[in-house]
Amino acid sequence: MKLIRFGEVGAEKPGLLIDNKRYDVSHLVSDFDFEFFAANKLAELSEAVAGAELTEVGADVRWAAPVHRPGKIICIGLNYADHASESGMELPKEPVVFFKASSAVVGPYDDVVIPRNSEKTDWEVELAVVIGKKASYVSLEDALDHVAGYTLHNDVSERGFQLERGGQWVKGKSCDTFAPIGPWISTPDEMGDINQLNLWLTVNDKKYQDGNTKNLVFDIPYIIHYLSQFMTLEPGDIISTGTPAGVGLGFNPPIYLKAGDVMELGIDGLGSSKQNVVQHP
């Protein structure tokens, strides 16, 4: 299945993407959130949809992030060797872990807002994993059993806030609108080989990122296993698995976003998203 959410901010509803058409399933489930995934309602929804009459969602209705307010957004830094190199950092011996505030989440076509006092807002296309059931001290072999699905994430980053202001990276990662997610969550059966997914990003129609998940330093089962040694992963949590080379920071001189820019990004099986860049007043 492909899970979507739609509607204006604060009034989003759950839906499904079927044959490239959006359908409302709010009469079958309340939302795609902690309670939905924790109760294993994915299987129930699949059965319910088979015999249900669904209403199509209008083309002009806003696409929302496909997960409602995830409890945690856990990100893995420097997880592609080429990105570590362009950032001038050593390849990590263990996953580099940081958090992104859930208040940063927006829909896949919402504007990205350059925050006040920002001079170095940057882009990062990433494959994100949505956790489907509680994971604590999970073995490598069982790791993928805890996955509800996968989605597209633009890990927007303010490099000055991230690297030059002291402390952890979270300050440069958590500004409002810095986590466009979606357009949908694909369940694992929809995805094929997650280790062979192309991912790309353009700014103003110029391609800057063009990578493949085969080049992940730490693959998805290992990341889930690793994180579960330090914290409980809960249903609806999101793990963003890292970005390939081609971020603005990596150029000489660096290239950063400005008001009026347009980012487009995509991953095999997960569609594409598009964000206009605006300046915070």
Protein backbone atom coordinates (compact mmCIF):
# COMPACT_ATOMS: atom_id res chain seq x y z
CA MET A 1 0.00 0.00 0.00
CA LYS A 2 0.89 3.64 -0.39
CA LEU A 3 -0.22 5.70 2.58
CA ILE A 4 -0.91 9.40 2.16
CA ARG A 5 -2.37 12.26 4.17
CA PHE A 6 -4.14 15.24 2.69
CA GLY A 7 -5.91 18.46 3.66
CA GLU A 8 -5.06 21.85 5.04
CA VAL A 9 -2.73 22.27 8.01
CA GLY A 10 -4.47 21.13 11.17
CA ALA A 11 -7.23 19.32 9.29
CA GLU A 12 -5.32 16.52 7.56
CA LYS A 13 -6.93 13.16 6.89
CA PRO A 14 -5.50 9.71 6.04
CA GLY A 15 -5.74 8.28 2.58
CA LEU A 16 -4.29 5.84 0.08
CA LEU A 17 -2.70 6.26 -3.32
CA ILE A 18 -4.14 3.65 -5.67
CA ASP A 19 -3.28 3.66 -9.38
CA ASN A 20 -1.96 7.22 -9.01
CA LYS A 21 -5.25 8.46 -7.57
CA ARG A 22 -5.75 9.63 -4.00
CA TYR A 23 -8.58 8.21 -1.90
CA ASP A 24 -9.95 9.16 1.51
CA VAL A 25 -9.83 6.40 4.16
CA SER A 26 -10.67 8.58 7.16
CA HIS A 27 -13.88 6.55 7.64
CA LEU A 28 -11.71 3.45 8.16
CA VAL A 29 -8.83 4.79 10.29
CA SER A 30 -8.38 7.99 12.30
CA ASP A 31 -4.84 8.84 11.17
CA PHE A 32 -1.41 7.44 10.37
CA ASP A 33 0.26 7.97 13.73
CA PHE A 34 1.65 6.15 16.76
CA GLU A 35 -1.69 4.54 17.60
CA PHE A 36 -2.28 3.33 14.05
CA PHE A 37 1.10 1.64 13.66
CA ALA A 38 1.24 0.37 17.27
CA ALA A 39 -2.09 -1.42 16.84
CA ASN A 40 -0.87 -3.05 13.60
CA LYS A 41 -3.75 -1.50 11.71
CA LEU A 42 -1.87 -1.70 8.41
CA ALA A 43 -3.11 -5.25 7.95
CA GLU A 44 -6.64 -4.31 9.01
CA LEU A 45 -6.68 -1.37 6.60
CA SER A 46 -5.60 -3.58 3.70
CA GLU A 47 -8.53 -5.91 4.36
CA ALA A 48 -11.01 -3.10 4.94
CA VAL A 49 -10.10 -1.31 1.70
CA ALA A 50 -10.74 -4.43 -0.36
CA GLY A 51 -14.45 -4.26 0.34
CA ALA A 52 -14.92 -0.53 0.81
CA GLU A 53 -16.24 2.20 -1.43
CA LEU A 54 -13.68 4.99 -1.43
CA THR A 55 -14.03 8.67 -2.26
CA GLU A 56 -11.40 10.19 -4.52
CA VAL A 57 -9.55 13.25 -3.22
CA GLY A 58 -9.62 16.32 -5.45
CA ALA A 59 -6.47 17.18 -7.38
CA ASP A 60 -6.30 20.64 -5.80
CA VAL A 61 -6.26 19.34 -2.21
CA ARG A 62 -2.94 19.81 -0.38
CA TRP A 63 -0.63 16.82 0.11
CA ALA A 64 0.36 16.53 3.79
CA ALA A 65 3.26 14.66 5.37
CA PRO A 66 2.20 10.97 5.38
CA VAL A 67 2.93 10.50 9.11
CA HIS A 68 1.16 12.58 11.76
CA ARG A 69 3.69 14.19 14.13
CA PRO A 70 6.28 11.40 14.53
CA GLY A 71 7.52 10.97 18.07
CA LYS A 72 11.16 11.02 16.92
CA ILE A 73 13.00 11.92 13.75
CA ILE A 74 16.38 10.23 14.04
CA CYS A 75 18.95 11.10 11.40
CA ILE A 76 22.16 9.38 10.35
CA GLY A 77 24.96 11.72 9.32
CA LEU A 78 27.81 11.10 6.89
CA ASN A 79 26.27 7.80 5.77
CA TYR A 80 27.49 8.03 2.16
CA ALA A 81 31.26 8.01 1.67
CA ASP A 82 31.12 10.65 -1.06
CA HIS A 83 29.15 13.02 1.19
CA ALA A 84 31.57 12.55 4.08
CA SER A 85 34.42 13.39 1.72
CA GLU A 86 32.78 16.54 0.33
CA SER A 87 32.04 17.66 3.91
CA GLY A 88 35.71 17.31 4.82
CA MET A 89 34.94 14.71 7.49
CA GLU A 90 36.29 11.24 8.13
CA LEU A 91 34.20 8.20 7.33
CA PRO A 92 32.48 7.27 10.62
CA LYS A 93 33.36 4.03 12.40
CA GLU A 94 29.89 3.96 13.93
CA PRO A 95 26.71 5.71 12.75
CA VAL A 96 26.62 9.45 13.43
CA VAL A 97 23.27 10.04 15.13
CA PHE A 98 21.38 13.29 15.57
CA PHE A 99 17.77 14.35 15.99
CA LYS A 100 15.47 16.62 14.06
CA ALA A 101 12.49 18.25 15.78
CA SER A 102 9.10 16.88 14.74
CA SER A 103 7.86 20.50 14.57
CA ALA A 104 9.98 20.82 11.39
CA VAL A 105 7.72 18.41 9.46
CA VAL A 106 5.75 19.81 6.51
CA GLY A 107 4.12 18.37 3.43
CA PRO A 108 6.04 17.38 0.31
CA TYR A 109 4.95 20.45 -1.69
CA ASP A 110 4.90 23.02 1.12
CA ASP A 111 7.27 25.98 1.10
CA VAL A 112 10.65 25.75 2.80
CA VAL A 113 11.29 28.90 4.84
CA ILE A 114 14.82 30.25 5.19
CA PRO A 115 15.01 31.18 8.89
CA ARG A 116 16.00 34.54 10.29
CA ASN A 117 19.77 35.14 10.41
CA SER A 118 20.40 32.27 7.98
CA GLU A 119 23.05 32.53 5.30
CA LYS A 120 23.72 28.84 4.69
CA THR A 121 20.47 26.93 4.18
CA ASP A 122 21.17 23.69 2.30
CA TRP A 123 19.40 20.64 0.84
CA GLU A 124 19.72 16.85 1.43
CA VAL A 125 17.65 14.15 -0.30
CA GLU A 126 17.27 11.12 1.99
CA LEU A 127 15.53 7.76 2.21
CA ALA A 128 13.48 7.68 5.42
CA VAL A 129 12.29 4.59 7.27
CA VAL A 130 8.98 4.59 9.15
CA ILE A 131 8.98 2.30 12.18
CA GLY A 132 5.97 0.00 12.42
CA LYS A 133 6.38 -1.66 15.79
CA LYS A 134 8.35 -1.15 18.99
CA ALA A 135 12.02 -1.98 18.60
CA SER A 136 14.39 -2.39 21.54
CA TYR A 137 17.65 -4.37 21.36
CA VAL A 138 16.63 -5.72 17.97
CA SER A 139 18.86 -8.26 16.27
CA LEU A 140 20.26 -7.55 12.83
CA GLU A 141 18.27 -10.45 11.42
CA ASP A 142 14.95 -9.15 12.78
CA ALA A 143 15.48 -5.46 12.10
CA LEU A 144 13.38 -5.16 8.95
CA ASP A 145 10.42 -6.79 10.70
CA HIS A 146 10.00 -3.48 12.53
CA VAL A 147 9.58 -1.39 9.37
CA ALA A 148 6.14 -0.10 8.36
CA GLY A 149 7.40 1.49 5.18
CA TYR A 150 9.65 4.01 3.48
CA THR A 151 9.25 7.62 2.44
CA LEU A 152 11.09 10.56 0.87
CA HIS A 153 12.67 13.22 3.10
CA ASN A 154 14.44 16.49 2.34
CA ASP A 155 16.73 16.96 5.35
CA VAL A 156 16.99 20.74 4.94
CA SER A 157 19.95 22.06 6.96
CA GLU A 158 21.31 25.44 8.02
CA ARG A 159 25.07 24.85 7.95
CA GLY A 160 26.01 27.88 10.01
CA PHE A 161 23.59 26.88 12.77
CA GLN A 162 24.71 23.26 12.46
CA LEU A 163 28.49 23.62 12.42
CA GLU A 164 29.45 27.06 13.63
CA ARG A 165 27.22 27.74 16.63
CA GLY A 166 28.53 25.15 19.10
CA GLY A 167 26.74 22.11 20.46
CA GLN A 168 24.99 19.45 18.44
CA TRP A 169 23.76 19.46 14.84
CA VAL A 170 20.10 19.63 15.88
CA LYS A 171 20.10 23.46 15.81
CA GLY A 172 20.80 23.47 12.09
CA LYS A 173 18.32 20.72 11.34
CA SER A 174 15.16 21.64 13.23
CA CYS A 175 13.99 25.01 11.91
CA ASP A 176 10.34 25.18 10.94
CA THR A 177 9.67 23.59 7.50
CA PHE A 178 13.09 21.84 7.47
CA ALA A 179 11.55 18.35 7.11
CA PRO A 180 9.41 18.03 3.97
CA ILE A 181 8.25 14.41 4.03
CA GLY A 182 6.34 12.41 1.44
CA PRO A 183 4.36 12.34 -0.79
CA TRP A 184 3.60 8.83 0.45
CA ILE A 185 4.78 5.91 2.55
CA SER A 186 5.34 2.75 0.55
CA THR A 187 4.97 -0.46 2.51
CA PRO A 188 7.94 -2.85 2.13
CA ASP A 189 6.15 -5.09 -0.37
CA GLU A 190 5.96 -2.11 -2.76
CA MET A 191 9.67 -1.30 -2.65
CA GLY A 192 11.74 -4.06 -4.21
CA ASP A 193 15.42 -3.96 -3.25
CA ILE A 194 15.97 -1.11 -0.78
CA ASN A 195 19.71 -1.44 -1.38
CA GLN A 196 19.36 -0.43 -5.03
CA LEU A 197 17.30 2.76 -4.97
CA ASN A 198 18.27 5.82 -6.98
CA LEU A 199 17.83 9.15 -5.23
CA TRP A 200 18.25 12.61 -6.72
CA LEU A 201 17.71 16.31 -6.09
CA THR A 202 17.63 19.39 -8.32
CA VAL A 203 17.63 23.10 -7.56
CA ASN A 204 16.12 25.31 -10.26
CA ASP A 205 16.17 22.28 -12.61
CA LYS A 206 19.91 21.70 -12.16
CA LYS A 207 20.75 18.27 -10.77
CA TYR A 208 23.02 18.46 -7.74
CA GLN A 209 22.50 15.05 -6.10
CA ASP A 210 22.41 11.73 -7.94
CA GLY A 211 23.08 8.73 -5.71
CA ASN A 212 22.05 5.18 -4.91
CA THR A 213 21.37 3.42 -1.61
CA LYS A 214 23.88 0.72 -2.54
CA ASN A 215 26.48 3.23 -1.37
CA LEU A 216 25.17 3.54 2.19
CA VAL A 217 28.00 3.13 4.70
CA PHE A 218 25.61 1.53 7.21
CA ASP A 219 22.61 -0.21 5.65
CA ILE A 220 19.06 -0.01 6.94
CA PRO A 221 18.96 -3.26 8.97
CA TYR A 222 22.18 -2.26 10.72
CA ILE A 223 20.90 1.26 11.46
CA ILE A 224 17.72 -0.10 13.07
CA HIS A 225 19.69 -2.68 15.04
CA TYR A 226 22.25 -0.07 16.12
CA LEU A 227 19.77 2.60 17.21
CA SER A 228 17.72 0.07 19.17
CA GLN A 229 20.73 -0.53 21.44
CA PHE A 230 20.48 3.08 22.66
CA MET A 231 16.77 3.90 22.58
CA THR A 232 13.39 2.32 21.99
CA LEU A 233 12.17 2.93 18.47
CA GLU A 234 8.43 3.47 18.58
CA PRO A 235 5.70 3.09 15.96
CA GLY A 236 5.56 6.12 13.70
CA ASP A 237 9.15 7.16 14.42
CA ILE A 238 11.17 8.16 11.37
CA ILE A 239 14.80 7.28 10.67
CA SER A 240 16.42 9.36 7.94
CA THR A 241 19.30 7.36 6.55
CA GLY A 242 21.70 9.96 5.15
CA THR A 243 22.37 11.87 1.94
CA PRO A 244 24.72 11.31 -1.01
CA ALA A 245 27.20 13.87 -2.35
CA GLY A 246 26.01 17.05 -4.00
CA VAL A 247 24.86 19.22 -1.10
CA GLY A 248 25.53 22.93 -1.31
CA LEU A 249 28.16 22.78 1.44
CA GLY A 250 30.32 20.53 -0.73
CA PHE A 251 30.93 22.98 -3.56
CA ASN A 252 33.82 25.46 -3.80
CA PRO A 253 32.55 28.03 -3.15
CA PRO A 254 29.49 26.60 -1.38
CA ILE A 255 26.05 27.08 -2.93
CA TYR A 256 23.18 27.86 -0.58
CA LEU A 257 19.46 28.32 -1.03
CA LYS A 258 17.88 31.72 -1.54
CA ALA A 259 14.31 32.94 -1.76
CA GLY A 260 12.80 32.04 -5.13
CA ASP A 261 14.74 28.79 -5.54
CA VAL A 262 12.82 25.58 -6.28
CA MET A 263 13.95 22.18 -5.01
CA GLU A 264 12.74 18.92 -6.54
CA LEU A 265 13.77 15.50 -5.28
CA GLY A 266 12.82 11.87 -5.62
CA ILE A 267 13.59 8.23 -4.85
CA ASP A 268 12.69 5.09 -6.79
CA GLY A 269 9.30 3.83 -5.61
CA LEU A 270 8.64 6.86 -3.44
CA GLY A 271 7.72 9.48 -5.98
CA SER A 272 9.00 13.03 -5.96
CA SER A 273 8.41 16.23 -4.03
CA LYS A 274 8.87 19.90 -4.76
CA GLN A 275 9.44 22.85 -2.45
CA ASN A 276 9.59 26.56 -3.19
CA VAL A 277 12.04 28.47 -1.02
CA VAL A 278 10.85 31.63 0.73
CA GLN A 279 12.47 33.98 3.22
CA HIS A 280 11.21 34.31 6.79
CA PRO A 281 9.97 37.88 7.26
